[in-house]
Amino acid sequence: MKILHTADWHLGKRLDRFSRLEEQILVMNEIVEIADAQNVDLVLVAGDLFDNFNPSVEATELFYKTLKRLSLNGKRPVIAISGNHDSPNLIDAPDPLARECGIVLIGHPKAVVNPFELNGFKITCSVPGFIEIKLKNQEFPVRILHTPYANEIRLKEYFGENKEEDLNQVLAENWQRLADEFCDEAGVNLMMAHLYMNRKGTPLLDEPEGEKPIKIGNADLIFSDSIPPQIQYTALGHLHGFRNIGTAEKPVVYSSSPLCYSFSEAGQTKFVSIIEAQPNQHVSFEKIALQQGKSLVRKTFNNIEHAVEWLNENQNTLVELTLESETFLKAEDRKKIYQAHPGIVHLIPKMKNEEFSENQLRTINLNQDIQALFKDYFKTKNNGQEPNEDLIELFNEIKNL
């Protein structure tokens, strides 16, 4: 069977003042087209479906329309869990209606999916944290251990009475109990979770800028060796770059977000993961690059004209632009830059003279006129840089009010 794994859609996401909705419409369409072209049997969406607890009408509409298209009107099951940006109650709320379209929405870690049957598949078993699906075109069932996001305290409340136990132990014991009871070699055994997970003994993985962190110290860090050995593929959400923290034989995969959502992701290619699986065999998977969406670019220039030239040549981007100079940007330079490109998210002036110290202005002649005093004060606060003409004019205008 074939499975498509995607995550971290963050529908409704903005980058500063820039809406990403038009790009999200395009990339959602691309994911649907990949699912159809690859003829996948099952779709997994591993959390952070929306960007906040109260998504806009437009984001909500895009979400349900996309899931309905992915489900082929009930012929193909779509399983989506909540992430740390989602309201679990909101995700759970429309579940009875979603099930009519073959969409299973799971908001809480111990949610129970009531068994149901459609033309393409049926839920044959469901207990807290686990479902089994039988596809009409497959002889074997698919088992899914599912763990939507919850913080450390809530996860321990859900899964363990002993609040002092290590979270890894609490989850590992719960997952292993489910796997031992339901995941034999006669079916395909999967896990999906929205957690901060890493391989033990490896460097910590960075959470993206702008992402609500779920790793507070090491309290919420889950190690991949907590995954039961019966699991053939683990579909993760939360980190926005594609990576396999498992092995080639038993992948543990962050599928990546569909778009670059912060400048810490600048230059990243985004993917979906396509898995081929059968019972009691190692899975194979490939990552398929997504083409839609604007590139996020961080650029640094020390020349206004060079910056404007580059901006004119790279219009279909969102830009964080740093300008290094000997003095502060003039209003006319800022205007020239913003007129050259519609997608400048941040414009960061940077002074080249970083060696200035307040000790260089140990004494200030208080008998100077007020404009000279202002210049000296400005230099003490700005690495020795002189205020430009625009600032002097503004100062004089204020002084004369």
Protein backbone atom coordinates (compact mmCIF):
# COMPACT_ATOMS: atom_id res chain seq x y z
CA MET A 1 0.00 0.00 0.00
CA LYS A 2 1.00 3.63 -0.44
CA ILE A 3 0.76 6.31 2.24
CA LEU A 4 1.23 10.09 2.00
CA HIS A 5 2.62 11.81 5.09
CA THR A 6 2.43 15.57 5.49
CA ALA A 7 2.37 17.93 8.49
CA ASP A 8 2.60 21.49 9.80
CA TRP A 9 0.24 23.13 7.32
CA HIS A 10 -0.22 26.17 9.61
CA LEU A 11 -3.22 27.31 7.58
CA GLY A 12 -3.88 31.00 8.17
CA LYS A 13 -0.21 31.73 8.86
CA ARG A 14 1.09 35.25 8.30
CA LEU A 15 4.68 36.40 8.03
CA ASP A 16 4.63 39.76 9.74
CA ARG A 17 2.09 41.75 7.67
CA PHE A 18 2.11 39.30 4.74
CA SER A 19 -0.71 36.76 4.40
CA ARG A 20 0.37 33.36 3.05
CA LEU A 21 -3.16 32.21 2.20
CA GLU A 22 -2.80 32.43 -1.59
CA GLU A 23 0.39 30.38 -1.41
CA GLN A 24 -1.32 27.89 0.89
CA ILE A 25 -4.18 27.42 -1.57
CA LEU A 26 -1.65 26.59 -4.29
CA VAL A 27 0.42 24.20 -2.18
CA MET A 28 -2.68 22.41 -0.82
CA ASN A 29 -3.75 21.86 -4.40
CA GLU A 30 -0.27 20.50 -5.16
CA ILE A 31 -0.46 18.01 -2.27
CA VAL A 32 -3.84 16.77 -3.53
CA GLU A 33 -2.39 16.35 -7.02
CA ILE A 34 0.56 14.36 -5.65
CA ALA A 35 -1.77 12.08 -3.67
CA ASP A 36 -3.82 11.40 -6.80
CA ALA A 37 -0.82 10.96 -9.11
CA GLN A 38 0.83 8.56 -6.65
CA ASN A 39 -2.49 6.74 -6.15
CA VAL A 40 -1.98 6.66 -2.39
CA ASP A 41 -4.25 4.55 -0.20
CA LEU A 42 -4.00 6.59 3.01
CA VAL A 43 -3.12 10.18 4.01
CA LEU A 44 -1.58 11.15 7.36
CA VAL A 45 -1.50 14.81 8.51
CA ALA A 46 0.68 15.01 11.64
CA GLY A 47 -0.52 18.16 13.40
CA ASP A 48 -0.33 21.95 13.33
CA LEU A 49 -3.22 21.96 10.90
CA PHE A 50 -3.90 25.63 11.65
CA ASP A 51 -1.58 28.39 12.84
CA ASN A 52 -3.64 29.36 15.89
CA PHE A 53 -6.47 28.22 18.13
CA ASN A 54 -9.02 30.44 16.38
CA PRO A 55 -8.39 30.10 12.64
CA SER A 56 -10.00 32.43 10.15
CA VAL A 57 -13.01 31.45 8.06
CA GLU A 58 -10.75 31.32 4.98
CA ALA A 59 -8.23 29.01 6.67
CA THR A 60 -10.97 26.72 7.97
CA GLU A 61 -12.61 26.52 4.55
CA LEU A 62 -9.29 25.67 2.89
CA PHE A 63 -8.64 22.97 5.50
CA TYR A 64 -11.91 21.10 5.00
CA LYS A 65 -11.93 21.48 1.22
CA THR A 66 -8.40 20.06 1.06
CA LEU A 67 -9.21 17.12 3.32
CA LYS A 68 -12.36 16.34 1.35
CA ARG A 69 -10.38 16.30 -1.91
CA LEU A 70 -7.69 14.13 -0.34
CA SER A 71 -10.33 11.67 0.87
CA LEU A 72 -11.82 11.17 -2.62
CA ASN A 73 -15.25 11.61 -1.02
CA GLY A 74 -14.76 8.76 1.43
CA LYS A 75 -12.83 6.29 -0.71
CA ARG A 76 -9.44 7.15 0.81
CA PRO A 77 -9.01 7.57 4.60
CA VAL A 78 -7.41 10.78 5.83
CA ILE A 79 -6.16 10.84 9.44
CA ALA A 80 -5.29 14.25 10.92
CA ILE A 81 -4.16 14.94 14.50
CA SER A 82 -3.84 18.23 16.36
CA GLY A 83 -0.53 19.96 17.02
CA ASN A 84 0.62 22.57 19.53
CA HIS A 85 -0.87 25.37 17.38
CA ASP A 86 -4.30 23.71 17.23
CA SER A 87 -7.24 23.73 19.60
CA PRO A 88 -7.91 20.03 20.30
CA ASN A 89 -11.57 20.79 20.99
CA LEU A 90 -11.91 22.57 17.63
CA ILE A 91 -10.29 19.63 15.83
CA ASP A 92 -12.57 17.11 17.57
CA ALA A 93 -15.78 19.10 17.16
CA PRO A 94 -16.69 18.41 13.49
CA ASP A 95 -15.59 14.77 13.57
CA PRO A 96 -19.04 13.13 13.00
CA LEU A 97 -19.56 15.17 9.82
CA ALA A 98 -15.95 14.70 8.70
CA ARG A 99 -16.28 10.92 9.05
CA GLU A 100 -19.02 10.95 6.41
CA CYS A 101 -16.26 12.10 4.01
CA GLY A 102 -13.70 9.58 5.20
CA ILE A 103 -11.83 12.09 7.38
CA VAL A 104 -10.75 11.11 10.90
CA LEU A 105 -9.85 14.11 13.10
CA ILE A 106 -8.13 13.42 16.42
CA GLY A 107 -7.70 16.29 18.85
CA HIS A 108 -6.86 14.65 22.19
CA PRO A 109 -4.18 12.02 22.92
CA LYS A 110 -6.66 9.52 24.37
CA ALA A 111 -9.44 10.16 21.85
CA VAL A 112 -11.51 7.17 20.79
CA VAL A 113 -12.65 7.04 17.15
CA ASN A 114 -16.06 5.41 16.94
CA PRO A 115 -15.93 2.59 14.34
CA PHE A 116 -17.65 3.34 11.04
CA GLU A 117 -17.72 2.03 7.47
CA LEU A 118 -17.72 3.77 4.08
CA ASN A 119 -17.42 2.51 0.53
CA GLY A 120 -13.62 2.62 0.56
CA PHE A 121 -12.72 1.45 4.06
CA LYS A 122 -13.90 0.78 7.58
CA ILE A 123 -12.57 1.34 11.11
CA THR A 124 -12.41 -2.17 12.52
CA CYS A 125 -10.95 -1.41 15.95
CA SER A 126 -10.53 1.69 18.09
CA VAL A 127 -9.27 2.25 21.62
CA PRO A 128 -7.71 5.36 23.19
CA GLY A 129 -4.61 6.22 21.15
CA PHE A 130 -5.14 3.53 18.50
CA ILE A 131 -7.19 2.76 15.40
CA GLU A 132 -7.21 -0.10 12.91
CA ILE A 133 -8.40 0.48 9.35
CA LYS A 134 -9.35 -2.11 6.73
CA LEU A 135 -9.16 -0.82 3.16
CA LYS A 136 -11.51 -2.43 0.66
CA ASN A 137 -8.70 -2.87 -1.88
CA GLN A 138 -6.19 -4.41 0.58
CA GLU A 139 -6.13 -7.84 2.19
CA PHE A 140 -4.38 -6.63 5.34
CA PRO A 141 -5.32 -3.99 7.93
CA VAL A 142 -3.46 -0.78 8.80
CA ARG A 143 -2.82 -0.04 12.48
CA ILE A 144 -2.07 3.49 13.68
CA LEU A 145 -0.85 4.54 17.12
CA HIS A 146 -1.74 8.24 17.35
CA THR A 147 -0.52 10.87 19.83
CA PRO A 148 -1.71 14.44 19.17
CA TYR A 149 0.13 17.21 20.97
CA ALA A 150 -0.30 17.80 24.68
CA ASN A 151 2.16 19.35 27.11
CA GLU A 152 4.17 17.22 29.53
CA ILE A 153 1.71 17.56 32.43
CA ARG A 154 -1.32 16.68 30.32
CA LEU A 155 0.45 13.76 28.65
CA LYS A 156 1.28 12.31 32.07
CA GLU A 157 -2.32 12.85 33.17
CA TYR A 158 -3.53 11.02 30.07
CA PHE A 159 -1.09 8.13 30.18
CA GLY A 160 0.32 7.66 33.68
CA GLU A 161 -0.79 7.93 37.27
CA ASN A 162 2.74 8.55 38.54
CA LYS A 163 3.38 12.22 37.74
CA GLU A 164 7.06 11.87 38.68
CA GLU A 165 7.78 9.33 35.95
CA ASP A 166 9.91 10.40 33.04
CA LEU A 167 7.72 11.38 30.08
CA ASN A 168 9.67 9.05 27.78
CA GLN A 169 8.83 6.16 30.08
CA VAL A 170 5.15 7.11 30.28
CA LEU A 171 4.80 7.30 26.48
CA ALA A 172 6.99 4.26 25.79
CA GLU A 173 4.96 2.07 28.14
CA ASN A 174 1.65 3.25 26.66
CA TRP A 175 2.82 2.80 23.06
CA GLN A 176 4.33 -0.62 23.80
CA ARG A 177 1.14 -1.82 25.49
CA LEU A 178 -0.93 -0.85 22.44
CA ALA A 179 1.59 -2.35 20.02
CA ASP A 180 1.76 -5.63 21.91
CA GLU A 181 -2.02 -5.92 21.95
CA PHE A 182 -2.84 -4.83 18.40
CA CYS A 183 0.24 -4.70 16.12
CA ASP A 184 1.08 -8.21 15.00
CA GLU A 185 2.84 -9.12 11.75
CA ALA A 186 -0.42 -9.56 9.80
CA GLY A 187 -0.88 -5.83 9.19
CA VAL A 188 0.96 -2.57 8.46
CA ASN A 189 1.89 -0.88 11.75
CA LEU A 190 2.33 2.90 11.86
CA MET A 191 2.62 5.65 14.44
CA MET A 192 1.84 9.35 14.06
CA ALA A 193 2.60 12.01 16.66
CA HIS A 194 3.10 15.73 17.12
CA LEU A 195 6.00 15.82 19.55
CA TYR A 196 9.56 17.08 19.83
CA MET A 197 11.36 13.79 19.15
CA ASN A 198 15.04 13.12 18.54
CA ARG A 199 17.45 10.23 18.48
CA LYS A 200 19.25 9.71 21.79
CA GLY A 201 22.85 10.92 21.79
CA THR A 202 22.48 13.24 18.79
CA PRO A 203 22.57 17.08 18.76
CA LEU A 204 19.33 18.88 19.57
CA LEU A 205 17.27 19.89 16.55
CA ASP A 206 16.37 23.57 16.26
CA GLU A 207 12.73 24.59 16.40
CA PRO A 208 11.86 27.13 13.68
CA GLU A 209 11.72 30.85 14.42
CA GLY A 210 8.14 31.87 15.14
CA GLU A 211 7.19 28.31 16.13
CA LYS A 212 5.62 27.91 19.56
CA PRO A 213 8.33 25.88 21.32
CA ILE A 214 7.32 22.55 22.83
CA LYS A 215 10.79 21.65 24.07
CA ILE A 216 11.17 23.38 27.44
CA GLY A 217 14.60 22.29 28.61
CA ASN A 218 14.61 18.52 28.20
CA ALA A 219 11.24 17.92 29.86
CA ASP A 220 9.33 17.51 26.61
CA LEU A 221 12.11 15.84 24.61
CA ILE A 222 11.02 12.37 23.49
CA PHE A 223 13.61 9.90 22.27
CA SER A 224 12.96 7.74 19.23
CA ASP A 225 13.94 4.57 21.10
CA SER A 226 10.57 4.92 22.89
CA ILE A 227 8.88 3.77 19.65
CA PRO A 228 7.81 0.11 19.82
CA PRO A 229 9.77 -2.28 17.58
CA GLN A 230 6.56 -3.36 15.82
CA ILE A 231 6.17 0.11 14.27
CA GLN A 232 7.36 0.20 10.65
CA TYR A 233 7.11 3.96 10.04
CA THR A 234 6.59 6.93 12.38
CA ALA A 235 4.99 10.07 10.92
CA LEU A 236 6.00 13.14 12.95
CA GLY A 237 4.97 16.78 12.95
CA HIS A 238 6.42 19.93 14.58
CA LEU A 239 9.87 20.56 13.05
CA HIS A 240 9.57 22.21 9.63
CA GLY A 241 12.53 20.64 7.82
CA PHE A 242 12.40 17.16 6.27
CA ARG A 243 14.52 14.67 8.21
CA ASN A 244 14.56 11.02 9.16
CA ILE A 245 15.70 10.64 12.78
CA GLY A 246 15.16 6.88 12.63
CA THR A 247 16.86 4.34 10.41
CA ALA A 248 16.45 3.34 6.77
CA GLU A 249 14.67 0.18 7.93
CA LYS A 250 12.39 1.91 10.45
CA PRO A 251 12.04 5.56 9.45
CA VAL A 252 10.98 8.22 11.98
CA VAL A 253 10.24 11.16 9.72
CA TYR A 254 9.45 14.84 9.99
CA SER A 255 7.83 15.42 6.60
CA SER A 256 8.38 19.23 6.74
CA SER A 257 5.93 22.10 6.49
CA PRO A 258 4.55 22.75 2.98
CA LEU A 259 5.91 26.33 2.88
CA CYS A 260 8.82 28.19 4.46
CA TYR A 261 7.17 29.96 7.38
CA SER A 262 10.13 31.81 8.97
CA PHE A 263 13.46 33.14 7.81
CA SER A 264 15.20 30.38 9.77
CA GLU A 265 13.79 28.16 6.99
CA ALA A 266 15.13 30.36 4.17
CA GLY A 267 16.47 28.24 1.35
CA GLN A 268 14.78 25.02 2.48
CA THR A 269 13.00 22.76 0.01
CA LYS A 270 9.71 21.44 1.34
CA PHE A 271 8.43 17.90 0.83
CA VAL A 272 5.78 15.30 1.39
CA SER A 273 6.76 11.74 2.20
CA ILE A 274 5.40 8.83 0.14
CA ILE A 275 5.66 5.47 1.91
CA GLU A 276 5.28 1.99 0.44
CA ALA A 277 4.43 -0.58 3.08
CA GLN A 278 3.31 -4.17 3.50
CA PRO A 279 3.04 -6.39 6.57
CA ASN A 280 6.20 -7.74 8.21
CA GLN A 281 8.51 -5.97 5.75
CA HIS A 282 10.75 -2.92 5.91
CA VAL A 283 8.98 0.09 4.40
CA SER A 284 10.47 2.24 1.66
CA PHE A 285 9.81 5.94 1.36
CA GLU A 286 10.69 8.83 -0.91
CA LYS A 287 10.37 12.56 -0.43
CA ILE A 288 8.64 14.51 -3.16
CA ALA A 289 9.57 18.18 -3.39
CA LEU A 290 6.82 20.79 -3.32
CA GLN A 291 7.14 23.53 -5.91
CA GLN A 292 4.54 26.09 -4.85
CA GLY A 293 5.12 29.07 -2.58
CA LYS A 294 7.46 32.01 -2.49
CA SER A 295 11.08 31.60 -1.49
CA LEU A 296 12.19 33.23 1.75
CA VAL A 297 15.56 34.93 1.34
CA ARG A 298 17.96 36.58 3.78
CA LYS A 299 20.27 39.03 1.97
CA THR A 300 22.92 41.46 3.15
CA PHE A 301 24.23 44.40 1.08
CA ASN A 302 26.58 47.30 1.75
CA ASN A 303 25.43 49.25 -1.28
CA ILE A 304 21.93 50.63 -1.92
CA GLU A 305 22.18 50.32 -5.69
CA HIS A 306 23.28 46.68 -5.52
CA ALA A 307 20.40 45.93 -3.17
CA VAL A 308 17.87 47.58 -5.48
CA GLU A 309 19.27 45.72 -8.49
CA TRP A 310 18.92 42.36 -6.72
CA LEU A 311 15.42 43.21 -5.49
CA ASN A 312 14.28 44.08 -9.02
CA GLU A 313 15.58 40.73 -10.29
CA ASN A 314 13.97 38.60 -7.53
CA GLN A 315 10.38 39.75 -7.28
CA ASN A 316 8.69 36.44 -6.36
CA THR A 317 10.32 36.25 -2.94
CA LEU A 318 9.80 37.38 0.63
CA VAL A 319 12.92 39.14 1.86
CA GLU A 320 14.73 39.92 5.07
CA LEU A 321 17.16 42.61 3.93
CA THR A 322 20.14 43.79 5.96
CA LEU A 323 21.93 46.94 4.80
CA GLU A 324 25.39 47.64 6.16
CA SER A 325 26.47 51.27 5.99
CA GLU A 326 28.60 53.91 7.65
CA THR A 327 25.56 55.97 8.62
CA PHE A 328 21.84 55.57 9.09
CA LEU A 329 19.54 55.02 6.13
CA LYS A 330 18.05 58.16 4.70
CA ALA A 331 14.32 58.36 4.08
CA GLU A 332 14.90 58.54 0.32
CA ASP A 333 16.97 55.32 0.44
CA ARG A 334 14.26 53.49 2.37
CA LYS A 335 11.69 54.67 -0.16
CA LYS A 336 13.85 53.49 -3.06
CA ILE A 337 14.25 50.04 -1.49
CA TYR A 338 10.57 49.53 -0.71
CA GLN A 339 9.56 50.73 -4.19
CA ALA A 340 11.88 48.13 -5.74
CA HIS A 341 10.17 45.10 -4.18
CA PRO A 342 6.67 44.32 -2.81
CA GLY A 343 7.83 41.55 -0.46
CA ILE A 344 10.29 43.14 1.96
CA VAL A 345 9.29 41.71 5.33
CA HIS A 346 12.15 43.16 7.38
CA LEU A 347 14.62 45.94 6.56
CA ILE A 348 17.51 45.88 9.02
CA PRO A 349 20.05 48.73 9.03
CA LYS A 350 23.44 47.67 10.39
CA MET A 351 26.29 49.99 11.28
CA LYS A 352 29.77 48.98 10.17
CA ASN A 353 31.50 50.73 13.09
CA GLU A 354 31.03 48.27 15.96
CA GLU A 355 34.12 49.27 17.97
CA PHE A 356 32.75 52.49 19.43
CA SER A 357 32.59 52.71 23.20
CA GLU A 358 30.94 55.27 25.45
CA ASN A 359 34.39 55.76 26.98
CA GLN A 360 35.32 57.59 23.79
CA LEU A 361 32.95 60.34 24.93
CA ARG A 362 33.95 60.54 28.55
CA THR A 363 33.32 64.25 28.76
CA ILE A 364 30.64 66.22 27.04
CA ASN A 365 30.71 69.98 26.96
CA LEU A 366 27.35 70.93 28.41
CA ASN A 367 27.85 74.49 27.22
CA GLN A 368 27.40 73.41 23.60
CA ASP A 369 24.25 74.34 21.75
CA ILE A 370 21.43 71.81 21.98
CA GLN A 371 21.99 70.42 18.46
CA ALA A 372 25.64 69.58 19.25
CA LEU A 373 24.53 67.96 22.52
CA PHE A 374 22.00 65.88 20.62
CA LYS A 375 24.72 64.71 18.20
CA ASP A 376 27.00 63.66 21.05
CA TYR A 377 24.16 61.85 22.84
CA PHE A 378 23.15 60.10 19.62
CA LYS A 379 26.73 58.89 19.09
CA THR A 380 26.87 57.37 22.58
CA LYS A 381 23.72 55.33 21.84
CA ASN A 382 24.61 54.26 18.28
CA ASN A 383 28.19 53.00 18.22
CA GLY A 384 29.65 56.40 17.41
CA GLN A 385 27.55 56.97 14.31
CA GLU A 386 26.68 60.53 13.42
CA PRO A 387 22.95 61.27 12.97
CA ASN A 388 22.15 61.85 9.31
CA GLU A 389 20.59 64.99 7.87
CA ASP A 390 17.05 63.62 8.07
CA LEU A 391 17.39 63.03 11.81
CA ILE A 392 18.91 66.47 12.39
CA GLU A 393 16.04 68.09 10.49
CA LEU A 394 13.52 66.07 12.51
CA PHE A 395 15.26 67.04 15.76
CA ASN A 396 15.20 70.71 14.81
CA GLU A 397 11.53 70.46 13.86
CA ILE A 398 10.68 68.99 17.27
CA LYS A 399 12.88 71.53 19.07
CA ASN A 400 11.06 74.41 17.39
CA LEU A 401 7.54 73.20 18.21
